[in-house]
Amino acid sequence: MSARGFGDLEAVVIERIWDRPEKTTVRQLFDELAAERGIAYTTVMSTMDNLHRKGWLDRERIGKAYRYWATLSREEYSARLMREALGSGGRSDLVLAHFVEQMSAEESEGLRAALRKLSRSRRR
């Protein structure tokens, strides 16, 4: 699955970081990626640094290395993409109607539950 708006390697890196339960170092991610493909440590380091400069990753220095984590969860990122699509795809009411028409029964129930929760929190 490629994350929209990211370069090919950026998408691989951000997906791997989203899949991790904790912060990660370049070395940890490099070791994982190198087991699957021919890739240089400096390429992984540069990609993670680029994602940091773009605001997609945050980091903290631990000794000589950095530990990285995503600034948005996969779900928050997806919601941002949906918001951008809704705002740039023509009439937002029609875009939303077409989107909802394509939902499965399970997705539709999830949307209803989210709307109920939002409505309750806004009334408070």
PDB file of N, CA and C in Angstrom:
ATOM      1  N   MET A   1       0.852  -1.184   0.000  1.00  0.00           N
ATOM      2  CA  MET A   1       0.000   0.000   0.000  1.00  0.00           C
ATOM      3  C   MET A   1       0.891   1.238   0.000  1.00  0.00           C
ATOM      4  N   SER A   2       0.715   2.103  -0.951  1.00  0.00           N
ATOM      5  CA  SER A   2       1.504   3.327  -1.029  1.00  0.00           C
ATOM      6  C   SER A   2       0.730   4.475  -0.387  1.00  0.00           C
ATOM      7  N   ALA A   3       1.406   5.202   0.455  1.00  0.00           N
ATOM      8  CA  ALA A   3       0.789   6.353   1.104  1.00  0.00           C
ATOM      9  C   ALA A   3       0.805   7.522   0.123  1.00  0.00           C
ATOM     10  N   ARG A   4      -0.353   8.051  -0.176  1.00  0.00           N
ATOM     11  CA  ARG A   4      -0.490   9.139  -1.140  1.00  0.00           C
ATOM     12  C   ARG A   4       0.250  10.379  -0.653  1.00  0.00           C
ATOM     13  N   GLY A   5       0.967  11.018  -1.563  1.00  0.00           N
ATOM     14  CA  GLY A   5       1.672  12.241  -1.218  1.00  0.00           C
ATOM     15  C   GLY A   5       3.120  12.019  -0.796  1.00  0.00           C
ATOM     16  N   PHE A   6       3.523  10.768  -0.672  1.00  0.00           N
ATOM     17  CA  PHE A   6       4.889  10.443  -0.317  1.00  0.00           C
ATOM     18  C   PHE A   6       5.590   9.851  -1.530  1.00  0.00           C
ATOM     19  N   GLY A   7       6.914  10.020  -1.599  1.00  0.00           N
ATOM     20  CA  GLY A   7       7.692   9.313  -2.597  1.00  0.00           C
ATOM     21  C   GLY A   7       7.654   7.821  -2.283  1.00  0.00           C
ATOM     22  N   ASP A   8       8.142   6.991  -3.210  1.00  0.00           N
ATOM     23  CA  ASP A   8       8.071   5.540  -3.019  1.00  0.00           C
ATOM     24  C   ASP A   8       8.740   5.087  -1.724  1.00  0.00           C
ATOM     25  N   LEU A   9       9.986   5.497  -1.501  1.00  0.00           N
ATOM     26  CA  LEU A   9      10.684   5.073  -0.294  1.00  0.00           C
ATOM     27  C   LEU A   9      10.107   5.753   0.945  1.00  0.00           C
ATOM     28  N   GLU A  10       9.690   6.998   0.819  1.00  0.00           N
ATOM     29  CA  GLU A  10       9.043   7.679   1.953  1.00  0.00           C
ATOM     30  C   GLU A  10       7.798   6.910   2.387  1.00  0.00           C
ATOM     31  N   ALA A  11       7.027   6.421   1.422  1.00  0.00           N
ATOM     32  CA  ALA A  11       5.815   5.658   1.747  1.00  0.00           C
ATOM     33  C   ALA A  11       6.170   4.376   2.483  1.00  0.00           C
ATOM     34  N   VAL A  12       7.213   3.687   2.039  1.00  0.00           N
ATOM     35  CA  VAL A  12       7.649   2.456   2.714  1.00  0.00           C
ATOM     36  C   VAL A  12       8.067   2.779   4.144  1.00  0.00           C
ATOM     37  N   VAL A  13       8.851   3.821   4.320  1.00  0.00           N
ATOM     38  CA  VAL A  13       9.355   4.188   5.651  1.00  0.00           C
ATOM     39  C   VAL A  13       8.208   4.582   6.572  1.00  0.00           C
ATOM     40  N   ILE A  14       7.310   5.458   6.122  1.00  0.00           N
ATOM     41  CA  ILE A  14       6.224   5.900   7.006  1.00  0.00           C
ATOM     42  C   ILE A  14       5.297   4.744   7.352  1.00  0.00           C
ATOM     43  N   GLU A  15       5.052   3.839   6.411  1.00  0.00           N
ATOM     44  CA  GLU A  15       4.220   2.669   6.704  1.00  0.00           C
ATOM     45  C   GLU A  15       4.879   1.790   7.765  1.00  0.00           C
ATOM     46  N   ARG A  16       6.178   1.578   7.647  1.00  0.00           N
ATOM     47  CA  ARG A  16       6.899   0.760   8.631  1.00  0.00           C
ATOM     48  C   ARG A  16       6.869   1.428  10.006  1.00  0.00           C
ATOM     49  N   ILE A  17       7.012   2.727  10.025  1.00  0.00           N
ATOM     50  CA  ILE A  17       6.983   3.441  11.306  1.00  0.00           C
ATOM     51  C   ILE A  17       5.587   3.359  11.914  1.00  0.00           C
ATOM     52  N   TRP A  18       4.544   3.505  11.091  1.00  0.00           N
ATOM     53  CA  TRP A  18       3.177   3.359  11.614  1.00  0.00           C
ATOM     54  C   TRP A  18       2.942   1.963  12.183  1.00  0.00           C
ATOM     55  N   ASP A  19       3.585   0.958  11.599  1.00  0.00           N
ATOM     56  CA  ASP A  19       3.391  -0.418  12.055  1.00  0.00           C
ATOM     57  C   ASP A  19       4.110  -0.720  13.362  1.00  0.00           C
ATOM     58  N   ARG A  20       5.011   0.145  13.781  1.00  0.00           N
ATOM     59  CA  ARG A  20       5.794  -0.095  14.992  1.00  0.00           C
ATOM     60  C   ARG A  20       5.053   0.439  16.221  1.00  0.00           C
ATOM     61  N   PRO A  21       5.120  -0.297  17.320  1.00  0.00           N
ATOM     62  CA  PRO A  21       4.456   0.172  18.544  1.00  0.00           C
ATOM     63  C   PRO A  21       5.254   1.225  19.299  1.00  0.00           C
ATOM     64  N   GLU A  22       6.528   1.399  18.929  1.00  0.00           N
ATOM     65  CA  GLU A  22       7.356   2.365  19.662  1.00  0.00           C
ATOM     66  C   GLU A  22       8.275   3.114  18.708  1.00  0.00           C
ATOM     67  N   LYS A  23       8.963   4.094  19.245  1.00  0.00           N
ATOM     68  CA  LYS A  23       9.898   4.897  18.454  1.00  0.00           C
ATOM     69  C   LYS A  23      10.980   4.001  17.870  1.00  0.00           C
ATOM     70  N   THR A  24      11.577   4.444  16.762  1.00  0.00           N
ATOM     71  CA  THR A  24      12.578   3.616  16.094  1.00  0.00           C
ATOM     72  C   THR A  24      13.775   4.436  15.647  1.00  0.00           C
ATOM     73  N   THR A  25      14.879   3.772  15.485  1.00  0.00           N
ATOM     74  CA  THR A  25      16.089   4.428  14.986  1.00  0.00           C
ATOM     75  C   THR A  25      16.274   4.098  13.511  1.00  0.00           C
ATOM     76  N   VAL A  26      17.138   4.858  12.879  1.00  0.00           N
ATOM     77  CA  VAL A  26      17.485   4.578  11.483  1.00  0.00           C
ATOM     78  C   VAL A  26      18.036   3.161  11.386  1.00  0.00           C
ATOM     79  N   ARG A  27      18.911   2.778  12.309  1.00  0.00           N
ATOM     80  CA  ARG A  27      19.537   1.447  12.276  1.00  0.00           C
ATOM     81  C   ARG A  27      18.477   0.341  12.321  1.00  0.00           C
ATOM     82  N   GLN A  28      17.504   0.479  13.213  1.00  0.00           N
ATOM     83  CA  GLN A  28      16.466  -0.539  13.330  1.00  0.00           C
ATOM     84  C   GLN A  28      15.675  -0.673  12.034  1.00  0.00           C
ATOM     85  N   LEU A  29      15.298   0.457  11.461  1.00  0.00           N
ATOM     86  CA  LEU A  29      14.525   0.416  10.222  1.00  0.00           C
ATOM     87  C   LEU A  29      15.392  -0.066   9.058  1.00  0.00           C
ATOM     88  N   PHE A  30      16.636   0.389   9.017  1.00  0.00           N
ATOM     89  CA  PHE A  30      17.545  -0.069   7.969  1.00  0.00           C
ATOM     90  C   PHE A  30      17.706  -1.583   8.017  1.00  0.00           C
ATOM     91  N   ASP A  31      17.938  -2.147   9.204  1.00  0.00           N
ATOM     92  CA  ASP A  31      18.120  -3.593   9.335  1.00  0.00           C
ATOM     93  C   ASP A  31      16.904  -4.350   8.795  1.00  0.00           C
ATOM     94  N   GLU A  32      15.727  -3.845   9.079  1.00  0.00           N
ATOM     95  CA  GLU A  32      14.498  -4.480   8.598  1.00  0.00           C
ATOM     96  C   GLU A  32      14.396  -4.390   7.068  1.00  0.00           C
ATOM     97  N   LEU A  33      14.642  -3.194   6.531  1.00  0.00           N
ATOM     98  CA  LEU A  33      14.528  -3.002   5.081  1.00  0.00           C
ATOM     99  C   LEU A  33      15.630  -3.739   4.322  1.00  0.00           C
ATOM    100  N   ALA A  34      16.845  -3.752   4.865  1.00  0.00           N
ATOM    101  CA  ALA A  34      17.980  -4.391   4.191  1.00  0.00           C
ATOM    102  C   ALA A  34      17.779  -5.898   4.076  1.00  0.00           C
ATOM    103  N   ALA A  35      17.001  -6.473   4.970  1.00  0.00           N
ATOM    104  CA  ALA A  35      16.717  -7.905   4.892  1.00  0.00           C
ATOM    105  C   ALA A  35      15.807  -8.234   3.706  1.00  0.00           C
ATOM    106  N   GLU A  36      15.134  -7.221   3.167  1.00  0.00           N
ATOM    107  CA  GLU A  36      14.175  -7.431   2.078  1.00  0.00           C
ATOM    108  C   GLU A  36      14.615  -6.860   0.739  1.00  0.00           C
ATOM    109  N   ARG A  37      15.519  -5.899   0.758  1.00  0.00           N
ATOM    110  CA  ARG A  37      15.926  -5.220  -0.467  1.00  0.00           C
ATOM    111  C   ARG A  37      17.331  -4.661  -0.317  1.00  0.00           C
ATOM    112  N   GLY A  38      17.970  -4.421  -1.445  1.00  0.00           N
ATOM    113  CA  GLY A  38      19.275  -3.788  -1.421  1.00  0.00           C
ATOM    114  C   GLY A  38      19.113  -2.299  -1.192  1.00  0.00           C
ATOM    115  N   ILE A  39      19.524  -1.832  -0.038  1.00  0.00           N
ATOM    116  CA  ILE A  39      19.358  -0.418   0.295  1.00  0.00           C
ATOM    117  C   ILE A  39      20.512   0.015   1.185  1.00  0.00           C
ATOM    118  N   ALA A  40      20.958   1.226   1.028  1.00  0.00           N
ATOM    119  CA  ALA A  40      22.067   1.754   1.826  1.00  0.00           C
ATOM    120  C   ALA A  40      21.538   2.397   3.108  1.00  0.00           C
ATOM    121  N   TYR A  41      22.313   2.294   4.164  1.00  0.00           N
ATOM    122  CA  TYR A  41      21.974   2.922   5.437  1.00  0.00           C
ATOM    123  C   TYR A  41      21.740   4.420   5.243  1.00  0.00           C
ATOM    124  N   THR A  42      22.626   5.056   4.463  1.00  0.00           N
ATOM    125  CA  THR A  42      22.503   6.509   4.276  1.00  0.00           C
ATOM    126  C   THR A  42      21.225   6.886   3.535  1.00  0.00           C
ATOM    127  N   THR A  43      20.721   5.995   2.690  1.00  0.00           N
ATOM    128  CA  THR A  43      19.460   6.251   1.989  1.00  0.00           C
ATOM    129  C   THR A  43      18.300   6.268   2.978  1.00  0.00           C
ATOM    130  N   VAL A  44      18.290   5.304   3.879  1.00  0.00           N
ATOM    131  CA  VAL A  44      17.242   5.264   4.901  1.00  0.00           C
ATOM    132  C   VAL A  44      17.365   6.491   5.808  1.00  0.00           C
ATOM    133  N   MET A  45      18.591   6.827   6.198  1.00  0.00           N
ATOM    134  CA  MET A  45      18.820   7.991   7.058  1.00  0.00           C
ATOM    135  C   MET A  45      18.342   9.275   6.375  1.00  0.00           C
ATOM    136  N   SER A  46      18.682   9.455   5.113  1.00  0.00           N
ATOM    137  CA  SER A  46      18.266  10.657   4.376  1.00  0.00           C
ATOM    138  C   SER A  46      16.753  10.717   4.235  1.00  0.00           C
ATOM    139  N   THR A  47      16.131   9.580   3.971  1.00  0.00           N
ATOM    140  CA  THR A  47      14.676   9.546   3.821  1.00  0.00           C
ATOM    141  C   THR A  47      13.986   9.914   5.128  1.00  0.00           C
ATOM    142  N   MET A  48      14.466   9.370   6.232  1.00  0.00           N
ATOM    143  CA  MET A  48      13.873   9.695   7.524  1.00  0.00           C
ATOM    144  C   MET A  48      14.114  11.154   7.884  1.00  0.00           C
ATOM    145  N   ASP A  49      15.282  11.672   7.557  1.00  0.00           N
ATOM    146  CA  ASP A  49      15.570  13.090   7.798  1.00  0.00           C
ATOM    147  C   ASP A  49      14.657  13.971   6.944  1.00  0.00           C
ATOM    148  N   ASN A  50      14.438  13.592   5.689  1.00  0.00           N
ATOM    149  CA  ASN A  50      13.524  14.349   4.825  1.00  0.00           C
ATOM    150  C   ASN A  50      12.108  14.351   5.386  1.00  0.00           C
ATOM    151  N   LEU A  51      11.639  13.191   5.853  1.00  0.00           N
ATOM    152  CA  LEU A  51      10.298  13.125   6.441  1.00  0.00           C
ATOM    153  C   LEU A  51      10.220  13.973   7.700  1.00  0.00           C
ATOM    154  N   HIS A  52      11.308  14.053   8.451  1.00  0.00           N
ATOM    155  CA  HIS A  52      11.347  14.925   9.631  1.00  0.00           C
ATOM    156  C   HIS A  52      11.254  16.391   9.214  1.00  0.00           C
ATOM    157  N   ARG A  53      12.041  16.795   8.221  1.00  0.00           N
ATOM    158  CA  ARG A  53      12.014  18.190   7.764  1.00  0.00           C
ATOM    159  C   ARG A  53      10.651  18.574   7.194  1.00  0.00           C
ATOM    160  N   LYS A  54       9.946  17.622   6.604  1.00  0.00           N
ATOM    161  CA  LYS A  54       8.614  17.875   6.051  1.00  0.00           C
ATOM    162  C   LYS A  54       7.526  17.853   7.127  1.00  0.00           C
ATOM    163  N   GLY A  55       7.896  17.475   8.354  1.00  0.00           N
ATOM    164  CA  GLY A  55       6.933  17.485   9.452  1.00  0.00           C
ATOM    165  C   GLY A  55       6.179  16.183   9.660  1.00  0.00           C
ATOM    166  N   TRP A  56       6.539  15.124   8.935  1.00  0.00           N
ATOM    167  CA  TRP A  56       5.837  13.845   9.062  1.00  0.00           C
ATOM    168  C   TRP A  56       6.394  12.983  10.188  1.00  0.00           C
ATOM    169  N   LEU A  57       7.654  13.211  10.525  1.00  0.00           N
ATOM    170  CA  LEU A  57       8.293  12.492  11.624  1.00  0.00           C
ATOM    171  C   LEU A  57       8.817  13.491  12.637  1.00  0.00           C
ATOM    172  N   ASP A  58       8.802  13.076  13.884  1.00  0.00           N
ATOM    173  CA  ASP A  58       9.467  13.839  14.933  1.00  0.00           C
ATOM    174  C   ASP A  58      10.594  12.959  15.445  1.00  0.00           C
ATOM    175  N   ARG A  59      11.522  13.539  16.198  1.00  0.00           N
ATOM    176  CA  ARG A  59      12.652  12.742  16.654  1.00  0.00           C
ATOM    177  C   ARG A  59      13.230  13.320  17.932  1.00  0.00           C
ATOM    178  N   GLU A  60      13.980  12.453  18.628  1.00  0.00           N
ATOM    179  CA  GLU A  60      14.714  12.855  19.816  1.00  0.00           C
ATOM    180  C   GLU A  60      16.088  12.215  19.751  1.00  0.00           C
ATOM    181  N   ARG A  61      17.083  12.945  20.209  1.00  0.00           N
ATOM    182  CA  ARG A  61      18.451  12.423  20.190  1.00  0.00           C
ATOM    183  C   ARG A  61      18.651  11.521  21.397  1.00  0.00           C
ATOM    184  N   ILE A  62      19.178  10.339  21.101  1.00  0.00           N
ATOM    185  CA  ILE A  62      19.546   9.376  22.143  1.00  0.00           C
ATOM    186  C   ILE A  62      21.002   9.002  21.872  1.00  0.00           C
ATOM    187  N   GLY A  63      21.927   9.586  22.619  1.00  0.00           N
ATOM    188  CA  GLY A  63      23.351   9.372  22.345  1.00  0.00           C
ATOM    189  C   GLY A  63      23.709   9.992  21.007  1.00  0.00           C
ATOM    190  N   LYS A  64      24.262   9.185  20.112  1.00  0.00           N
ATOM    191  CA  LYS A  64      24.648   9.678  18.792  1.00  0.00           C
ATOM    192  C   LYS A  64      23.542   9.517  17.762  1.00  0.00           C
ATOM    193  N   ALA A  65      22.498   8.818  18.109  1.00  0.00           N
ATOM    194  CA  ALA A  65      21.427   8.514  17.151  1.00  0.00           C
ATOM    195  C   ALA A  65      20.149   9.270  17.501  1.00  0.00           C
ATOM    196  N   TYR A  66      19.225   9.234  16.575  1.00  0.00           N
ATOM    197  CA  TYR A  66      17.881   9.765  16.807  1.00  0.00           C
ATOM    198  C   TYR A  66      16.897   8.613  16.862  1.00  0.00           C
ATOM    199  N   ARG A  67      15.857   8.789  17.663  1.00  0.00           N
ATOM    200  CA  ARG A  67      14.697   7.899  17.619  1.00  0.00           C
ATOM    201  C   ARG A  67      13.574   8.699  16.979  1.00  0.00           C
ATOM    202  N   TYR A  68      12.894   8.068  16.034  1.00  0.00           N
ATOM    203  CA  TYR A  68      11.850   8.720  15.244  1.00  0.00           C
ATOM    204  C   TYR A  68      10.475   8.131  15.543  1.00  0.00           C
ATOM    205  N   TRP A  69       9.448   8.945  15.338  1.00  0.00           N
ATOM    206  CA  TRP A  69       8.062   8.503  15.398  1.00  0.00           C
ATOM    207  C   TRP A  69       7.242   9.419  14.497  1.00  0.00           C
ATOM    208  N   ALA A  70       6.109   8.913  14.061  1.00  0.00           N
ATOM    209  CA  ALA A  70       5.227   9.672  13.169  1.00  0.00           C
ATOM    210  C   ALA A  70       4.502  10.764  13.952  1.00  0.00           C
ATOM    211  N   THR A  71       4.331  11.913  13.323  1.00  0.00           N
ATOM    212  CA  THR A  71       3.613  13.015  13.973  1.00  0.00           C
ATOM    213  C   THR A  71       2.099  12.835  13.876  1.00  0.00           C
ATOM    214  N   LEU A  72       1.656  12.038  12.902  1.00  0.00           N
ATOM    215  CA  LEU A  72       0.241  11.689  12.764  1.00  0.00           C
ATOM    216  C   LEU A  72       0.117  10.175  12.701  1.00  0.00           C
ATOM    217  N   SER A  73      -0.959   9.650  13.244  1.00  0.00           N
ATOM    218  CA  SER A  73      -1.218   8.222  13.084  1.00  0.00           C
ATOM    219  C   SER A  73      -1.655   7.962  11.637  1.00  0.00           C
ATOM    220  N   ARG A  74      -1.650   6.717  11.249  1.00  0.00           N
ATOM    221  CA  ARG A  74      -2.128   6.337   9.919  1.00  0.00           C
ATOM    222  C   ARG A  74      -3.568   6.839   9.713  1.00  0.00           C
ATOM    223  N   GLU A  75      -4.388   6.724  10.751  1.00  0.00           N
ATOM    224  CA  GLU A  75      -5.791   7.147  10.656  1.00  0.00           C
ATOM    225  C   GLU A  75      -5.921   8.663  10.551  1.00  0.00           C
ATOM    226  N   GLU A  76      -5.107   9.390  11.298  1.00  0.00           N
ATOM    227  CA  GLU A  76      -5.136  10.854  11.199  1.00  0.00           C
ATOM    228  C   GLU A  76      -4.684  11.307   9.815  1.00  0.00           C
ATOM    229  N   TYR A  77      -3.661  10.636   9.282  1.00  0.00           N
ATOM    230  CA  TYR A  77      -3.193  10.950   7.928  1.00  0.00           C
ATOM    231  C   TYR A  77      -4.286  10.672   6.903  1.00  0.00           C
ATOM    232  N   SER A  78      -4.957   9.529   7.037  1.00  0.00           N
ATOM    233  CA  SER A  78      -6.042   9.182   6.113  1.00  0.00           C
ATOM    234  C   SER A  78      -7.172  10.202   6.200  1.00  0.00           C
ATOM    235  N   ALA A  79      -7.490  10.628   7.413  1.00  0.00           N
ATOM    236  CA  ALA A  79      -8.539  11.629   7.591  1.00  0.00           C
ATOM    237  C   ALA A  79      -8.147  12.940   6.913  1.00  0.00           C
ATOM    238  N   ARG A  80      -6.869  13.297   6.983  1.00  0.00           N
ATOM    239  CA  ARG A  80      -6.392  14.512   6.313  1.00  0.00           C
ATOM    240  C   ARG A  80      -6.568  14.394   4.794  1.00  0.00           C
ATOM    241  N   LEU A  81      -6.234  13.227   4.248  1.00  0.00           N
ATOM    242  CA  LEU A  81      -6.419  13.000   2.814  1.00  0.00           C
ATOM    243  C   LEU A  81      -7.898  13.103   2.422  1.00  0.00           C
ATOM    244  N   MET A  82      -8.759  12.526   3.262  1.00  0.00           N
ATOM    245  CA  MET A  82     -10.195  12.588   2.982  1.00  0.00           C
ATOM    246  C   MET A  82     -10.678  14.033   3.011  1.00  0.00           C
ATOM    247  N   ARG A  83     -10.195  14.800   3.975  1.00  0.00           N
ATOM    248  CA  ARG A  83     -10.590  16.214   4.082  1.00  0.00           C
ATOM    249  C   ARG A  83     -10.138  16.989   2.849  1.00  0.00           C
ATOM    250  N   GLU A  84      -8.917  16.736   2.386  1.00  0.00           N
ATOM    251  CA  GLU A  84      -8.410  17.396   1.182  1.00  0.00           C
ATOM    252  C   GLU A  84      -9.240  17.013  -0.041  1.00  0.00           C
ATOM    253  N   ALA A  85      -9.593  15.735  -0.152  1.00  0.00           N
ATOM    254  CA  ALA A  85     -10.411  15.282  -1.284  1.00  0.00           C
ATOM    255  C   ALA A  85     -11.791  15.920  -1.233  1.00  0.00           C
ATOM    256  N   LEU A  86     -12.362  16.013  -0.064  1.00  0.00           N
ATOM    257  CA  LEU A  86     -13.683  16.616   0.085  1.00  0.00           C
ATOM    258  C   LEU A  86     -13.661  18.087  -0.307  1.00  0.00           C
ATOM    259  N   GLY A  87     -12.570  18.764   0.030  1.00  0.00           N
ATOM    260  CA  GLY A  87     -12.476  20.193  -0.252  1.00  0.00           C
ATOM    261  C   GLY A  87     -12.059  20.527  -1.674  1.00  0.00           C
ATOM    262  N   SER A  88     -11.524  19.560  -2.404  1.00  0.00           N
ATOM    263  CA  SER A  88     -11.007  19.885  -3.740  1.00  0.00           C
ATOM    264  C   SER A  88     -11.676  19.107  -4.862  1.00  0.00           C
ATOM    265  N   GLY A  89     -12.704  18.361  -4.556  1.00  0.00           N
ATOM    266  CA  GLY A  89     -13.305  17.487  -5.562  1.00  0.00           C
ATOM    267  C   GLY A  89     -14.615  17.970  -6.144  1.00  0.00           C
ATOM    268  N   GLY A  90     -14.864  19.260  -6.137  1.00  0.00           N
ATOM    269  CA  GLY A  90     -16.151  19.764  -6.619  1.00  0.00           C
ATOM    270  C   GLY A  90     -17.056  20.073  -5.446  1.00  0.00           C
ATOM    271  N   ARG A  91     -18.351  19.912  -5.670  1.00  0.00           N
ATOM    272  CA  ARG A  91     -19.309  20.183  -4.589  1.00  0.00           C
ATOM    273  C   ARG A  91     -19.143  19.151  -3.483  1.00  0.00           C
ATOM    274  N   SER A  92     -18.794  19.626  -2.297  1.00  0.00           N
ATOM    275  CA  SER A  92     -18.484  18.705  -1.204  1.00  0.00           C
ATOM    276  C   SER A  92     -19.692  17.849  -0.811  1.00  0.00           C
ATOM    277  N   ASP A  93     -20.911  18.382  -0.926  1.00  0.00           N
ATOM    278  CA  ASP A  93     -22.084  17.574  -0.583  1.00  0.00           C
ATOM    279  C   ASP A  93     -22.234  16.394  -1.541  1.00  0.00           C
ATOM    280  N   LEU A  94     -21.948  16.598  -2.827  1.00  0.00           N
ATOM    281  CA  LEU A  94     -22.033  15.509  -3.799  1.00  0.00           C
ATOM    282  C   LEU A  94     -20.884  14.522  -3.642  1.00  0.00           C
ATOM    283  N   VAL A  95     -19.698  15.040  -3.373  1.00  0.00           N
ATOM    284  CA  VAL A  95     -18.548  14.164  -3.145  1.00  0.00           C
ATOM    285  C   VAL A  95     -18.844  13.255  -1.957  1.00  0.00           C
ATOM    286  N   LEU A  96     -19.343  13.834  -0.885  1.00  0.00           N
ATOM    287  CA  LEU A  96     -19.649  13.067   0.308  1.00  0.00           C
ATOM    288  C   LEU A  96     -20.755  12.041   0.033  1.00  0.00           C
ATOM    289  N   ALA A  97     -21.779  12.436  -0.696  1.00  0.00           N
ATOM    290  CA  ALA A  97     -22.868  11.507  -1.028  1.00  0.00           C
ATOM    291  C   ALA A  97     -22.345  10.320  -1.837  1.00  0.00           C
ATOM    292  N   HIS A  98     -21.497  10.583  -2.821  1.00  0.00           N
ATOM    293  CA  HIS A  98     -20.927   9.489  -3.622  1.00  0.00           C
ATOM    294  C   HIS A  98     -20.037   8.593  -2.767  1.00  0.00           C
ATOM    295  N   PHE A  99     -19.299   9.197  -1.864  1.00  0.00           N
ATOM    296  CA  PHE A  99     -18.438   8.431  -0.974  1.00  0.00           C
ATOM    297  C   PHE A  99     -19.262   7.484  -0.104  1.00  0.00           C
ATOM    298  N   VAL A 100     -20.326   8.017   0.489  1.00  0.00           N
ATOM    299  CA  VAL A 100     -21.174   7.224   1.382  1.00  0.00           C
ATOM    300  C   VAL A 100     -21.871   6.103   0.610  1.00  0.00           C
ATOM    301  N   GLU A 101     -22.265   6.360  -0.622  1.00  0.00           N
ATOM    302  CA  GLU A 101     -22.910   5.324  -1.446  1.00  0.00           C
ATOM    303  C   GLU A 101     -22.010   4.113  -1.658  1.00  0.00           C
ATOM    304  N   GLN A 102     -20.715   4.324  -1.641  1.00  0.00           N
ATOM    305  CA  GLN A 102     -19.765   3.248  -1.911  1.00  0.00           C
ATOM    306  C   GLN A 102     -19.366   2.459  -0.665  1.00  0.00           C
ATOM    307  N   MET A 103     -19.882   2.866   0.488  1.00  0.00           N
ATOM    308  CA  MET A 103     -19.512   2.213   1.743  1.00  0.00           C
ATOM    309  C   MET A 103     -20.202   0.869   1.899  1.00  0.00           C
ATOM    310  N   SER A 104     -19.510  -0.046   2.571  1.00  0.00           N
ATOM    311  CA  SER A 104     -20.128  -1.314   2.961  1.00  0.00           C
ATOM    312  C   SER A 104     -21.052  -1.045   4.152  1.00  0.00           C
ATOM    313  N   ALA A 105     -21.860  -2.025   4.496  1.00  0.00           N
ATOM    314  CA  ALA A 105     -22.751  -1.886   5.650  1.00  0.00           C
ATOM    315  C   ALA A 105     -21.936  -1.657   6.933  1.00  0.00           C
ATOM    316  N   GLU A 106     -20.826  -2.352   7.055  1.00  0.00           N
ATOM    317  CA  GLU A 106     -19.972  -2.198   8.236  1.00  0.00           C
ATOM    318  C   GLU A 106     -19.365  -0.799   8.307  1.00  0.00           C
ATOM    319  N   GLU A 107     -18.888  -0.289   7.174  1.00  0.00           N
ATOM    320  CA  GLU A 107     -18.320   1.065   7.136  1.00  0.00           C
ATOM    321  C   GLU A 107     -19.395   2.101   7.427  1.00  0.00           C
ATOM    322  N   SER A 108     -20.583   1.871   6.892  1.00  0.00           N
ATOM    323  CA  SER A 108     -21.699   2.794   7.123  1.00  0.00           C
ATOM    324  C   SER A 108     -22.056   2.842   8.614  1.00  0.00           C
ATOM    325  N   GLU A 109     -22.080   1.693   9.256  1.00  0.00           N
ATOM    326  CA  GLU A 109     -22.367   1.662  10.692  1.00  0.00           C
ATOM    327  C   GLU A 109     -21.258   2.352  11.476  1.00  0.00           C
ATOM    328  N   GLY A 110     -20.024   2.193  11.045  1.00  0.00           N
ATOM    329  CA  GLY A 110     -18.908   2.887  11.691  1.00  0.00           C
ATOM    330  C   GLY A 110     -19.050   4.394  11.570  1.00  0.00           C
ATOM    331  N   LEU A 111     -19.492   4.861  10.407  1.00  0.00           N
ATOM    332  CA  LEU A 111     -19.715   6.291  10.200  1.00  0.00           C
ATOM    333  C   LEU A 111     -20.835   6.792  11.105  1.00  0.00           C
ATOM    334  N   ARG A 112     -21.926   6.038  11.179  1.00  0.00           N
ATOM    335  CA  ARG A 112     -23.036   6.434  12.058  1.00  0.00           C
ATOM    336  C   ARG A 112     -22.568   6.532  13.516  1.00  0.00           C
ATOM    337  N   ALA A 113     -21.788   5.560  13.957  1.00  0.00           N
ATOM    338  CA  ALA A 113     -21.281   5.564  15.337  1.00  0.00           C
ATOM    339  C   ALA A 113     -20.378   6.773  15.577  1.00  0.00           C
ATOM    340  N   ALA A 114     -19.531   7.086  14.614  1.00  0.00           N
ATOM    341  CA  ALA A 114     -18.645   8.251  14.752  1.00  0.00           C
ATOM    342  C   ALA A 114     -19.458   9.541  14.816  1.00  0.00           C
ATOM    343  N   LEU A 115     -20.501   9.646  14.000  1.00  0.00           N
ATOM    344  CA  LEU A 115     -21.347  10.847  14.005  1.00  0.00           C
ATOM    345  C   LEU A 115     -22.108  10.976  15.324  1.00  0.00           C
ATOM    346  N   ARG A 116     -22.600   9.848  15.854  1.00  0.00           N
ATOM    347  CA  ARG A 116     -23.284   9.887  17.161  1.00  0.00           C
ATOM    348  C   ARG A 116     -22.324  10.360  18.254  1.00  0.00           C
ATOM    349  N   LYS A 117     -21.125   9.824  18.245  1.00  0.00           N
ATOM    350  CA  LYS A 117     -20.115  10.204  19.247  1.00  0.00           C
ATOM    351  C   LYS A 117     -19.775  11.685  19.127  1.00  0.00           C
ATOM    352  N   LEU A 118     -19.589  12.159  17.909  1.00  0.00           N
ATOM    353  CA  LEU A 118     -19.283  13.566  17.672  1.00  0.00           C
ATOM    354  C   LEU A 118     -20.437  14.453  18.130  1.00  0.00           C
ATOM    355  N   SER A 119     -21.650  14.037  17.831  1.00  0.00           N
ATOM    356  CA  SER A 119     -22.820  14.826  18.222  1.00  0.00           C
ATOM    357  C   SER A 119     -22.922  14.931  19.749  1.00  0.00           C
ATOM    358  N   ARG A 120     -22.669  13.828  20.436  1.00  0.00           N
ATOM    359  CA  ARG A 120     -22.710  13.853  21.915  1.00  0.00           C
ATOM    360  C   ARG A 120     -21.635  14.763  22.482  1.00  0.00           C
ATOM    361  N   SER A 121     -20.436  14.701  21.912  1.00  0.00           N
ATOM    362  CA  SER A 121     -19.346  15.523  22.465  1.00  0.00           C
ATOM    363  C   SER A 121     -19.558  17.004  22.169  1.00  0.00           C
ATOM    364  N   ARG A 122     -20.210  17.334  21.078  1.00  0.00           N
ATOM    365  CA  ARG A 122     -20.465  18.748  20.752  1.00  0.00           C
ATOM    366  C   ARG A 122     -21.577  19.337  21.612  1.00  0.00           C
ATOM    367  N   ARG A 123     -22.477  18.497  22.074  1.00  0.00           N
ATOM    368  CA  ARG A 123     -23.579  18.981  22.929  1.00  0.00           C
ATOM    369  C   ARG A 123     -23.074  19.342  24.322  1.00  0.00           C
ATOM    370  N   ARG A 124     -21.948  18.805  24.730  1.00  0.00           N
ATOM    371  CA  ARG A 124     -21.407  19.059  26.072  1.00  0.00           C
ATOM    372  C   ARG A 124     -20.787  20.394  26.205  1.00  0.00           C
TER     373      ARG A 124
END
